[in-house]
All heavy atoms as atom14 arrays in JSON, in Angstrom:
{
  "sequence": "DDTGLDLVGIEAAYLDACRSIPAMAAELLQRRVDPSRHGFEITDRGGQ",
  "atom14_mask": [
    [1, 1, 1, 1, 1, 1, 1, 1, 0, 0, 0, 0, 0, 0],
    [1, 1, 1, 1, 1, 1, 1, 1, 0, 0, 0, 0, 0, 0],
    [1, 1, 1, 1, 1, 1, 1, 0, 0, 0, 0, 0, 0, 0],
    [1, 1, 1, 1, 0, 0, 0, 0, 0, 0, 0, 0, 0, 0],
    [1, 1, 1, 1, 1, 1, 1, 1, 0, 0, 0, 0, 0, 0],
    [1, 1, 1, 1, 1, 1, 1, 1, 0, 0, 0, 0, 0, 0],
    [1, 1, 1, 1, 1, 1, 1, 1, 0, 0, 0, 0, 0, 0],
    [1, 1, 1, 1, 1, 1, 1, 0, 0, 0, 0, 0, 0, 0],
    [1, 1, 1, 1, 0, 0, 0, 0, 0, 0, 0, 0, 0, 0],
    [1, 1, 1, 1, 1, 1, 1, 1, 0, 0, 0, 0, 0, 0],
    [1, 1, 1, 1, 1, 1, 1, 1, 1, 0, 0, 0, 0, 0],
    [1, 1, 1, 1, 1, 0, 0, 0, 0, 0, 0, 0, 0, 0],
    [1, 1, 1, 1, 1, 0, 0, 0, 0, 0, 0, 0, 0, 0],
    [1, 1, 1, 1, 1, 1, 1, 1, 1, 1, 1, 1, 0, 0],
    [1, 1, 1, 1, 1, 1, 1, 1, 0, 0, 0, 0, 0, 0],
    [1, 1, 1, 1, 1, 1, 1, 1, 0, 0, 0, 0, 0, 0],
    [1, 1, 1, 1, 1, 0, 0, 0, 0, 0, 0, 0, 0, 0],
    [1, 1, 1, 1, 1, 1, 0, 0, 0, 0, 0, 0, 0, 0],
    [1, 1, 1, 1, 1, 1, 1, 1, 1, 1, 1, 0, 0, 0],
    [1, 1, 1, 1, 1, 1, 0, 0, 0, 0, 0, 0, 0, 0],
    [1, 1, 1, 1, 1, 1, 1, 1, 0, 0, 0, 0, 0, 0],
    [1, 1, 1, 1, 1, 1, 1, 0, 0, 0, 0, 0, 0, 0],
    [1, 1, 1, 1, 1, 0, 0, 0, 0, 0, 0, 0, 0, 0],
    [1, 1, 1, 1, 1, 1, 1, 1, 0, 0, 0, 0, 0, 0],
    [1, 1, 1, 1, 1, 0, 0, 0, 0, 0, 0, 0, 0, 0],
    [1, 1, 1, 1, 1, 0, 0, 0, 0, 0, 0, 0, 0, 0],
    [1, 1, 1, 1, 1, 1, 1, 1, 1, 0, 0, 0, 0, 0],
    [1, 1, 1, 1, 1, 1, 1, 1, 0, 0, 0, 0, 0, 0],
    [1, 1, 1, 1, 1, 1, 1, 1, 0, 0, 0, 0, 0, 0],
    [1, 1, 1, 1, 1, 1, 1, 1, 1, 0, 0, 0, 0, 0],
    [1, 1, 1, 1, 1, 1, 1, 1, 1, 1, 1, 0, 0, 0],
    [1, 1, 1, 1, 1, 1, 1, 1, 1, 1, 1, 0, 0, 0],
    [1, 1, 1, 1, 1, 1, 1, 0, 0, 0, 0, 0, 0, 0],
    [1, 1, 1, 1, 1, 1, 1, 1, 0, 0, 0, 0, 0, 0],
    [1, 1, 1, 1, 1, 1, 1, 0, 0, 0, 0, 0, 0, 0],
    [1, 1, 1, 1, 1, 1, 0, 0, 0, 0, 0, 0, 0, 0],
    [1, 1, 1, 1, 1, 1, 1, 1, 1, 1, 1, 0, 0, 0],
    [1, 1, 1, 1, 1, 1, 1, 1, 1, 1, 0, 0, 0, 0],
    [1, 1, 1, 1, 0, 0, 0, 0, 0, 0, 0, 0, 0, 0],
    [1, 1, 1, 1, 1, 1, 1, 1, 1, 1, 1, 0, 0, 0],
    [1, 1, 1, 1, 1, 1, 1, 1, 1, 0, 0, 0, 0, 0],
    [1, 1, 1, 1, 1, 1, 1, 1, 0, 0, 0, 0, 0, 0],
    [1, 1, 1, 1, 1, 1, 1, 0, 0, 0, 0, 0, 0, 0],
    [1, 1, 1, 1, 1, 1, 1, 1, 0, 0, 0, 0, 0, 0],
    [1, 1, 1, 1, 1, 1, 1, 1, 1, 1, 1, 0, 0, 0],
    [1, 1, 1, 1, 0, 0, 0, 0, 0, 0, 0, 0, 0, 0],
    [1, 1, 1, 1, 0, 0, 0, 0, 0, 0, 0, 0, 0, 0],
    [1, 1, 1, 1, 1, 1, 1, 1, 1, 0, 0, 0, 0, 0]
  ],
  "atom14_positions": [
    [[4.8, 4.65, -7.07], [3.93, 5.73, -6.61], [4.74, 7.02, -6.79], [5.7, 7.26, -6.07], [3.55, 5.52, -5.14], [2.83, 6.72, -4.53], [2.41, 7.62, -5.27], [2.7, 6.75, -3.29], [0.0, 0.0, 0.0], [0.0, 0.0, 0.0], [0.0, 0.0, 0.0], [0.0, 0.0, 0.0], [0.0, 0.0, 0.0], [0.0, 0.0, 0.0]],
    [[4.37, 7.81, -7.78], [5.11, 9.04, -8.07], [4.6, 10.24, -7.27], [5.25, 11.28, -7.26], [5.03, 9.37, -9.55], [5.69, 8.3, -10.41], [6.7, 7.71, -9.96], [5.2, 8.05, -11.53], [0.0, 0.0, 0.0], [0.0, 0.0, 0.0], [0.0, 0.0, 0.0], [0.0, 0.0, 0.0], [0.0, 0.0, 0.0], [0.0, 0.0, 0.0]],
    [[3.46, 10.08, -6.59], [2.85, 11.2, -5.87], [3.21, 11.19, -4.39], [3.68, 12.19, -3.86], [1.32, 11.16, -6.02], [1.01, 11.08, -7.4], [0.69, 12.38, -5.41], [0.0, 0.0, 0.0], [0.0, 0.0, 0.0], [0.0, 0.0, 0.0], [0.0, 0.0, 0.0], [0.0, 0.0, 0.0], [0.0, 0.0, 0.0], [0.0, 0.0, 0.0]],
    [[2.97, 10.09, -3.72], [3.24, 9.99, -2.29], [2.21, 10.74, -1.46], [1.32, 11.4, -1.98], [0.0, 0.0, 0.0], [0.0, 0.0, 0.0], [0.0, 0.0, 0.0], [0.0, 0.0, 0.0], [0.0, 0.0, 0.0], [0.0, 0.0, 0.0], [0.0, 0.0, 0.0], [0.0, 0.0, 0.0], [0.0, 0.0, 0.0], [0.0, 0.0, 0.0]],
    [[2.38, 10.62, -0.14], [1.5, 11.3, 0.81], [2.34, 11.91, 1.92], [3.31, 11.31, 2.38], [0.53, 10.3, 1.46], [-0.6, 9.74, 0.61], [-1.33, 8.66, 1.39], [-1.56, 10.83, 0.21], [0.0, 0.0, 0.0], [0.0, 0.0, 0.0], [0.0, 0.0, 0.0], [0.0, 0.0, 0.0], [0.0, 0.0, 0.0], [0.0, 0.0, 0.0]],
    [[1.95, 13.11, 2.36], [2.58, 13.72, 3.53], [1.86, 13.19, 4.77], [0.65, 13.38, 4.92], [2.44, 15.25, 3.48], [3.27, 15.85, 2.36], [4.33, 15.3, 2.04], [2.86, 16.89, 1.82], [0.0, 0.0, 0.0], [0.0, 0.0, 0.0], [0.0, 0.0, 0.0], [0.0, 0.0, 0.0], [0.0, 0.0, 0.0], [0.0, 0.0, 0.0]],
    [[2.61, 12.51, 5.62], [2.04, 11.92, 6.84], [2.97, 12.23, 8.01], [4.15, 12.51, 7.83], [1.87, 10.41, 6.67], [0.9, 9.98, 5.55], [1.06, 8.52, 5.24], [-0.53, 10.3, 5.95], [0.0, 0.0, 0.0], [0.0, 0.0, 0.0], [0.0, 0.0, 0.0], [0.0, 0.0, 0.0], [0.0, 0.0, 0.0], [0.0, 0.0, 0.0]],
    [[2.44, 12.13, 9.24], [3.21, 12.5, 10.42], [4.38, 11.57, 10.72], [5.34, 11.98, 11.34], [2.32, 12.62, 11.68], [1.33, 13.75, 11.53], [1.6, 11.33, 11.96], [0.0, 0.0, 0.0], [0.0, 0.0, 0.0], [0.0, 0.0, 0.0], [0.0, 0.0, 0.0], [0.0, 0.0, 0.0], [0.0, 0.0, 0.0], [0.0, 0.0, 0.0]],
    [[4.33, 10.34, 10.25], [5.42, 9.43, 10.54], [5.2, 8.08, 9.89], [4.17, 7.82, 9.25], [0.0, 0.0, 0.0], [0.0, 0.0, 0.0], [0.0, 0.0, 0.0], [0.0, 0.0, 0.0], [0.0, 0.0, 0.0], [0.0, 0.0, 0.0], [0.0, 0.0, 0.0], [0.0, 0.0, 0.0], [0.0, 0.0, 0.0], [0.0, 0.0, 0.0]],
    [[6.16, 7.2, 10.08], [6.12, 5.88, 9.44], [4.94, 5.05, 9.94], [4.36, 4.28, 9.18], [7.47, 5.13, 9.62], [7.49, 3.84, 8.79], [7.76, 4.84, 11.07], [7.47, 4.04, 7.31], [0.0, 0.0, 0.0], [0.0, 0.0, 0.0], [0.0, 0.0, 0.0], [0.0, 0.0, 0.0], [0.0, 0.0, 0.0], [0.0, 0.0, 0.0]],
    [[4.56, 5.21, 11.21], [3.42, 4.45, 11.71], [2.14, 4.86, 11.0], [1.32, 4.02, 10.64], [3.28, 4.6, 13.22], [2.21, 3.67, 13.78], [2.21, 3.64, 15.29], [2.37, 4.7, 15.92], [2.03, 2.54, 15.83], [0.0, 0.0, 0.0], [0.0, 0.0, 0.0], [0.0, 0.0, 0.0], [0.0, 0.0, 0.0], [0.0, 0.0, 0.0]],
    [[1.97, 6.17, 10.74], [0.8, 6.64, 10.0], [0.82, 6.1, 8.57], [-0.23, 5.73, 8.02], [0.75, 8.17, 10.0], [0.0, 0.0, 0.0], [0.0, 0.0, 0.0], [0.0, 0.0, 0.0], [0.0, 0.0, 0.0], [0.0, 0.0, 0.0], [0.0, 0.0, 0.0], [0.0, 0.0, 0.0], [0.0, 0.0, 0.0], [0.0, 0.0, 0.0]],
    [[2.0, 6.03, 7.98], [2.13, 5.48, 6.62], [1.74, 4.0, 6.63], [1.02, 3.53, 5.73], [3.56, 5.67, 6.11], [0.0, 0.0, 0.0], [0.0, 0.0, 0.0], [0.0, 0.0, 0.0], [0.0, 0.0, 0.0], [0.0, 0.0, 0.0], [0.0, 0.0, 0.0], [0.0, 0.0, 0.0], [0.0, 0.0, 0.0], [0.0, 0.0, 0.0]],
    [[2.2, 3.28, 7.63], [1.87, 1.86, 7.76], [0.35, 1.67, 7.88], [-0.24, 0.85, 7.17], [2.58, 1.27, 8.97], [2.15, -0.13, 9.32], [2.61, -1.21, 8.59], [1.28, -0.37, 10.38], [2.21, -2.51, 8.89], [0.88, -1.65, 10.69], [1.34, -2.71, 9.95], [0.94, -3.98, 10.26], [0.0, 0.0, 0.0], [0.0, 0.0, 0.0]],
    [[-0.27, 2.44, 8.74], [-1.71, 2.31, 8.94], [-2.5, 2.69, 7.69], [-3.5, 2.05, 7.36], [-2.15, 3.15, 10.14], [-1.63, 2.67, 11.49], [-1.98, 3.66, 12.6], [-2.15, 1.29, 11.82], [0.0, 0.0, 0.0], [0.0, 0.0, 0.0], [0.0, 0.0, 0.0], [0.0, 0.0, 0.0], [0.0, 0.0, 0.0], [0.0, 0.0, 0.0]],
    [[-2.02, 3.71, 6.97], [-2.68, 4.1, 5.74], [-2.62, 2.96, 4.71], [-3.62, 2.65, 4.06], [-2.02, 5.37, 5.18], [-2.84, 5.98, 4.08], [-3.91, 6.55, 4.38], [-2.43, 5.87, 2.91], [0.0, 0.0, 0.0], [0.0, 0.0, 0.0], [0.0, 0.0, 0.0], [0.0, 0.0, 0.0], [0.0, 0.0, 0.0], [0.0, 0.0, 0.0]],
    [[-1.47, 2.33, 4.59], [-1.32, 1.2, 3.67], [-2.23, 0.05, 4.1], [-2.9, -0.56, 3.26], [0.14, 0.75, 3.62], [0.0, 0.0, 0.0], [0.0, 0.0, 0.0], [0.0, 0.0, 0.0], [0.0, 0.0, 0.0], [0.0, 0.0, 0.0], [0.0, 0.0, 0.0], [0.0, 0.0, 0.0], [0.0, 0.0, 0.0], [0.0, 0.0, 0.0]],
    [[-2.27, -0.22, 5.39], [-3.1, -1.32, 5.91], [-4.58, -1.1, 5.62], [-5.3, -2.06, 5.34], [-2.88, -1.49, 7.41], [-1.25, -2.14, 7.82], [0.0, 0.0, 0.0], [0.0, 0.0, 0.0], [0.0, 0.0, 0.0], [0.0, 0.0, 0.0], [0.0, 0.0, 0.0], [0.0, 0.0, 0.0], [0.0, 0.0, 0.0], [0.0, 0.0, 0.0]],
    [[-5.01, 0.15, 5.69], [-6.42, 0.44, 5.42], [-6.77, 0.19, 3.95], [-7.91, -0.14, 3.64], [-6.74, 1.89, 5.8], [-6.95, 2.09, 7.29], [-7.49, 3.47, 7.6], [-6.49, 4.51, 7.42], [-5.64, 4.91, 8.34], [-5.66, 4.37, 9.54], [-4.77, 5.86, 8.09], [0.0, 0.0, 0.0], [0.0, 0.0, 0.0], [0.0, 0.0, 0.0]],
    [[-5.81, 0.36, 3.05], [-6.12, 0.2, 1.63], [-6.02, -1.25, 1.14], [-6.57, -1.58, 0.1], [-5.21, 1.11, 0.8], [-3.88, 0.68, 0.9], [0.0, 0.0, 0.0], [0.0, 0.0, 0.0], [0.0, 0.0, 0.0], [0.0, 0.0, 0.0], [0.0, 0.0, 0.0], [0.0, 0.0, 0.0], [0.0, 0.0, 0.0], [0.0, 0.0, 0.0]],
    [[-5.32, -2.09, 1.87], [-5.09, -3.46, 1.41], [-6.37, -4.28, 1.25], [-6.52, -4.96, 0.22], [-4.05, -4.18, 2.3], [-2.67, -3.57, 2.04], [-4.04, -5.68, 2.06], [-1.58, -4.07, 2.97], [0.0, 0.0, 0.0], [0.0, 0.0, 0.0], [0.0, 0.0, 0.0], [0.0, 0.0, 0.0], [0.0, 0.0, 0.0], [0.0, 0.0, 0.0]],
    [[-7.32, -4.28, 2.19], [-8.51, -5.13, 2.0], [-9.27, -4.83, 0.7], [-9.65, -5.76, -0.02], [-9.37, -4.83, 3.23], [-8.37, -4.42, 4.27], [-7.32, -3.65, 3.52], [0.0, 0.0, 0.0], [0.0, 0.0, 0.0], [0.0, 0.0, 0.0], [0.0, 0.0, 0.0], [0.0, 0.0, 0.0], [0.0, 0.0, 0.0], [0.0, 0.0, 0.0]],
    [[-9.47, -3.56, 0.38], [-10.19, -3.22, -0.85], [-9.39, -3.63, -2.08], [-9.96, -4.15, -3.06], [-10.49, -1.72, -0.88], [0.0, 0.0, 0.0], [0.0, 0.0, 0.0], [0.0, 0.0, 0.0], [0.0, 0.0, 0.0], [0.0, 0.0, 0.0], [0.0, 0.0, 0.0], [0.0, 0.0, 0.0], [0.0, 0.0, 0.0], [0.0, 0.0, 0.0]],
    [[-8.08, -3.42, -2.04], [-7.25, -3.8, -3.18], [-7.23, -5.33, -3.35], [-7.29, -5.84, -4.47], [-5.84, -3.26, -3.0], [-5.76, -1.75, -3.12], [-4.09, -1.12, -2.88], [-3.35, -1.54, -4.45], [0.0, 0.0, 0.0], [0.0, 0.0, 0.0], [0.0, 0.0, 0.0], [0.0, 0.0, 0.0], [0.0, 0.0, 0.0], [0.0, 0.0, 0.0]],
    [[-7.16, -6.04, -2.22], [-7.16, -7.5, -2.28], [-8.49, -8.01, -2.85], [-8.51, -8.94, -3.67], [-6.91, -8.09, -0.89], [0.0, 0.0, 0.0], [0.0, 0.0, 0.0], [0.0, 0.0, 0.0], [0.0, 0.0, 0.0], [0.0, 0.0, 0.0], [0.0, 0.0, 0.0], [0.0, 0.0, 0.0], [0.0, 0.0, 0.0], [0.0, 0.0, 0.0]],
    [[-9.6, -7.4, -2.44], [-10.91, -7.8, -2.95], [-10.99, -7.56, -4.46], [-11.51, -8.4, -5.21], [-12.01, -7.03, -2.22], [0.0, 0.0, 0.0], [0.0, 0.0, 0.0], [0.0, 0.0, 0.0], [0.0, 0.0, 0.0], [0.0, 0.0, 0.0], [0.0, 0.0, 0.0], [0.0, 0.0, 0.0], [0.0, 0.0, 0.0], [0.0, 0.0, 0.0]],
    [[-10.47, -6.43, -4.9], [-10.47, -6.11, -6.34], [-9.62, -7.13, -7.12], [-10.02, -7.6, -8.18], [-9.92, -4.7, -6.54], [-9.95, -4.24, -7.98], [-9.39, -2.83, -8.12], [-9.76, -1.96, -7.32], [-8.56, -2.64, -9.04], [0.0, 0.0, 0.0], [0.0, 0.0, 0.0], [0.0, 0.0, 0.0], [0.0, 0.0, 0.0], [0.0, 0.0, 0.0]],
    [[-8.47, -7.5, -6.56], [-7.63, -8.5, -7.21], [-8.34, -9.85, -7.29], [-8.3, -10.53, -8.33], [-6.29, -8.64, -6.47], [-5.33, -7.47, -6.6], [-4.18, -7.59, -5.59], [-4.79, -7.38, -8.02], [0.0, 0.0, 0.0], [0.0, 0.0, 0.0], [0.0, 0.0, 0.0], [0.0, 0.0, 0.0], [0.0, 0.0, 0.0], [0.0, 0.0, 0.0]],
    [[-9.01, -10.23, -6.21], [-9.74, -11.51, -6.2], [-10.85, -11.52, -7.24], [-11.1, -12.55, -7.88], [-10.29, -11.79, -4.81], [-9.25, -12.19, -3.76], [-9.86, -12.18, -2.36], [-8.64, -13.55, -4.08], [0.0, 0.0, 0.0], [0.0, 0.0, 0.0], [0.0, 0.0, 0.0], [0.0, 0.0, 0.0], [0.0, 0.0, 0.0], [0.0, 0.0, 0.0]],
    [[-11.54, -10.39, -7.41], [-12.6, -10.31, -8.42], [-12.03, -10.53, -9.82], [-12.71, -11.07, -10.69], [-13.31, -8.96, -8.35], [-14.23, -8.83, -7.16], [-14.87, -7.46, -7.08], [-14.44, -6.51, -7.71], [-15.93, -7.37, -6.27], [0.0, 0.0, 0.0], [0.0, 0.0, 0.0], [0.0, 0.0, 0.0], [0.0, 0.0, 0.0], [0.0, 0.0, 0.0]],
    [[-10.78, -10.12, -10.03], [-10.13, -10.31, -11.33], [-9.41, -11.67, -11.4], [-8.67, -11.92, -12.33], [-9.13, -9.18, -11.59], [-9.82, -7.83, -11.71], [-8.89, -6.72, -12.17], [-7.49, -6.93, -11.83], [-6.68, -5.99, -11.35], [-7.13, -4.78, -11.13], [-5.42, -6.27, -11.09], [0.0, 0.0, 0.0], [0.0, 0.0, 0.0], [0.0, 0.0, 0.0]],
    [[-9.62, -12.48, -10.36], [-9.0, -13.81, -10.25], [-7.46, -13.74, -10.21], [-6.77, -14.55, -10.81], [-9.47, -14.73, -11.36], [-10.97, -14.98, -11.32], [-11.35, -16.09, -12.25], [-12.78, -16.27, -12.31], [-13.5, -16.95, -11.4], [-12.92, -17.48, -10.37], [-14.8, -17.07, -11.56], [0.0, 0.0, 0.0], [0.0, 0.0, 0.0], [0.0, 0.0, 0.0]],
    [[-6.98, -12.74, -9.46], [-5.54, -12.56, -9.25], [-5.27, -12.8, -7.77], [-6.01, -12.31, -6.91], [-5.09, -11.13, -9.65], [-3.62, -10.9, -9.33], [-5.38, -10.88, -11.12], [0.0, 0.0, 0.0], [0.0, 0.0, 0.0], [0.0, 0.0, 0.0], [0.0, 0.0, 0.0], [0.0, 0.0, 0.0], [0.0, 0.0, 0.0], [0.0, 0.0, 0.0]],
    [[-4.23, -13.55, -7.47], [-3.88, -13.9, -6.1], [-3.26, -12.69, -5.38], [-2.14, -12.28, -5.71], [-2.89, -15.06, -6.11], [-2.5, -15.52, -4.71], [-3.08, -15.02, -3.71], [-1.6, -16.38, -4.61], [0.0, 0.0, 0.0], [0.0, 0.0, 0.0], [0.0, 0.0, 0.0], [0.0, 0.0, 0.0], [0.0, 0.0, 0.0], [0.0, 0.0, 0.0]],
    [[-3.96, -12.11, -4.39], [-3.41, -10.93, -3.7], [-2.25, -11.27, -2.77], [-1.49, -10.38, -2.36], [-4.6, -10.4, -2.9], [-5.51, -11.55, -2.73], [-5.3, -12.44, -3.92], [0.0, 0.0, 0.0], [0.0, 0.0, 0.0], [0.0, 0.0, 0.0], [0.0, 0.0, 0.0], [0.0, 0.0, 0.0], [0.0, 0.0, 0.0], [0.0, 0.0, 0.0]],
    [[-2.07, -12.56, -2.46], [-1.0, -12.93, -1.52], [0.38, -12.69, -2.12], [1.38, -12.71, -1.4], [-1.14, -14.38, -1.08], [-0.87, -15.25, -2.16], [0.0, 0.0, 0.0], [0.0, 0.0, 0.0], [0.0, 0.0, 0.0], [0.0, 0.0, 0.0], [0.0, 0.0, 0.0], [0.0, 0.0, 0.0], [0.0, 0.0, 0.0], [0.0, 0.0, 0.0]],
    [[0.45, -12.43, -3.4], [1.74, -12.18, -4.06], [1.97, -10.69, -4.28], [2.82, -10.31, -5.07], [1.79, -12.96, -5.37], [1.65, -14.48, -5.11], [1.72, -15.3, -6.35], [3.0, -15.11, -7.0], [3.19, -15.27, -8.31], [2.19, -15.6, -9.09], [4.38, -15.08, -8.83], [0.0, 0.0, 0.0], [0.0, 0.0, 0.0], [0.0, 0.0, 0.0]],
    [[1.21, -9.87, -3.58], [1.32, -8.42, -3.69], [1.72, -7.81, -2.34], [1.52, -8.43, -1.3], [-0.02, -7.81, -4.12], [-0.39, -8.16, -5.52], [-0.79, -9.41, -5.9], [-0.42, -7.41, -6.64], [-1.06, -9.43, -7.19], [-0.84, -8.22, -7.67], [0.0, 0.0, 0.0], [0.0, 0.0, 0.0], [0.0, 0.0, 0.0], [0.0, 0.0, 0.0]],
    [[2.21, -6.61, -2.4], [2.56, -5.91, -1.17], [2.96, -4.48, -1.47], [3.12, -4.08, -2.63], [0.0, 0.0, 0.0], [0.0, 0.0, 0.0], [0.0, 0.0, 0.0], [0.0, 0.0, 0.0], [0.0, 0.0, 0.0], [0.0, 0.0, 0.0], [0.0, 0.0, 0.0], [0.0, 0.0, 0.0], [0.0, 0.0, 0.0], [0.0, 0.0, 0.0]],
    [[3.1, -3.7, -0.41], [3.55, -2.32, -0.54], [5.0, -2.21, -0.09], [5.42, -2.87, 0.87], [2.71, -1.38, 0.35], [1.38, -1.03, -0.22], [0.22, -1.4, 0.44], [1.28, -0.32, -1.4], [-1.02, -1.07, -0.06], [0.04, 0.02, -1.91], [-1.12, -0.36, -1.25], [0.0, 0.0, 0.0], [0.0, 0.0, 0.0], [0.0, 0.0, 0.0]],
    [[5.74, -1.37, -0.78], [7.05, -0.94, -0.32], [6.9, 0.54, -0.01], [6.63, 1.34, -0.91], [8.12, -1.14, -1.4], [8.47, -2.57, -1.64], [9.56, -2.74, -2.69], [10.08, -1.74, -3.22], [9.89, -3.9, -2.99], [0.0, 0.0, 0.0], [0.0, 0.0, 0.0], [0.0, 0.0, 0.0], [0.0, 0.0, 0.0], [0.0, 0.0, 0.0]],
    [[7.03, 0.89, 1.25], [6.93, 2.29, 1.65], [8.34, 2.86, 1.64], [9.24, 2.33, 2.29], [6.28, 2.44, 3.03], [4.87, 1.84, 3.04], [6.23, 3.91, 3.44], [4.2, 1.85, 4.38], [0.0, 0.0, 0.0], [0.0, 0.0, 0.0], [0.0, 0.0, 0.0], [0.0, 0.0, 0.0], [0.0, 0.0, 0.0], [0.0, 0.0, 0.0]],
    [[8.52, 3.95, 0.89], [9.84, 4.56, 0.79], [9.78, 6.04, 1.18], [8.7, 6.63, 1.24], [10.41, 4.46, -0.65], [9.61, 5.25, -1.52], [10.45, 3.03, -1.13], [0.0, 0.0, 0.0], [0.0, 0.0, 0.0], [0.0, 0.0, 0.0], [0.0, 0.0, 0.0], [0.0, 0.0, 0.0], [0.0, 0.0, 0.0], [0.0, 0.0, 0.0]],
    [[10.96, 6.61, 1.41], [11.05, 8.04, 1.66], [11.3, 8.75, 0.34], [11.34, 8.13, -0.72], [12.14, 8.34, 2.69], [13.52, 7.9, 2.25], [13.71, 7.57, 1.06], [14.42, 7.89, 3.1], [0.0, 0.0, 0.0], [0.0, 0.0, 0.0], [0.0, 0.0, 0.0], [0.0, 0.0, 0.0], [0.0, 0.0, 0.0], [0.0, 0.0, 0.0]],
    [[11.49, 10.08, 0.4], [11.73, 10.87, -0.82], [12.93, 10.36, -1.62], [12.94, 10.42, -2.83], [11.98, 12.33, -0.45], [10.76, 13.11, -0.12], [11.11, 14.58, 0.07], [10.06, 15.31, 0.73], [9.04, 15.88, 0.09], [8.97, 15.8, -1.2], [8.11, 16.52, 0.76], [0.0, 0.0, 0.0], [0.0, 0.0, 0.0], [0.0, 0.0, 0.0]],
    [[13.94, 9.89, -0.91], [15.16, 9.42, -1.57], [15.04, 8.03, -2.15], [15.99, 7.52, -2.74], [0.0, 0.0, 0.0], [0.0, 0.0, 0.0], [0.0, 0.0, 0.0], [0.0, 0.0, 0.0], [0.0, 0.0, 0.0], [0.0, 0.0, 0.0], [0.0, 0.0, 0.0], [0.0, 0.0, 0.0], [0.0, 0.0, 0.0], [0.0, 0.0, 0.0]],
    [[13.89, 7.38, -1.96], [13.7, 6.03, -2.5], [14.14, 4.92, -1.57], [14.07, 3.75, -1.94], [0.0, 0.0, 0.0], [0.0, 0.0, 0.0], [0.0, 0.0, 0.0], [0.0, 0.0, 0.0], [0.0, 0.0, 0.0], [0.0, 0.0, 0.0], [0.0, 0.0, 0.0], [0.0, 0.0, 0.0], [0.0, 0.0, 0.0], [0.0, 0.0, 0.0]],
    [[14.59, 5.27, -0.37], [15.01, 4.24, 0.59], [13.79, 3.5, 1.11], [12.83, 4.13, 1.57], [15.78, 4.85, 1.75], [16.2, 3.83, 2.77], [16.96, 4.45, 3.93], [17.34, 5.59, 3.9], [17.16, 3.67, 4.96], [0.0, 0.0, 0.0], [0.0, 0.0, 0.0], [0.0, 0.0, 0.0], [0.0, 0.0, 0.0], [0.0, 0.0, 0.0]]
  ]
}
């Protein structure tokens, strides 16, 4: 993710990611791809 999002804190970032997972998982399932092998890595500006 080269763009990122400005959010108030890590909990807001976590919740934002959680909100997007169901739709992404559904899209993967429609393409017959196993979503259980996917995930997000949330990093800071420095890549940590």
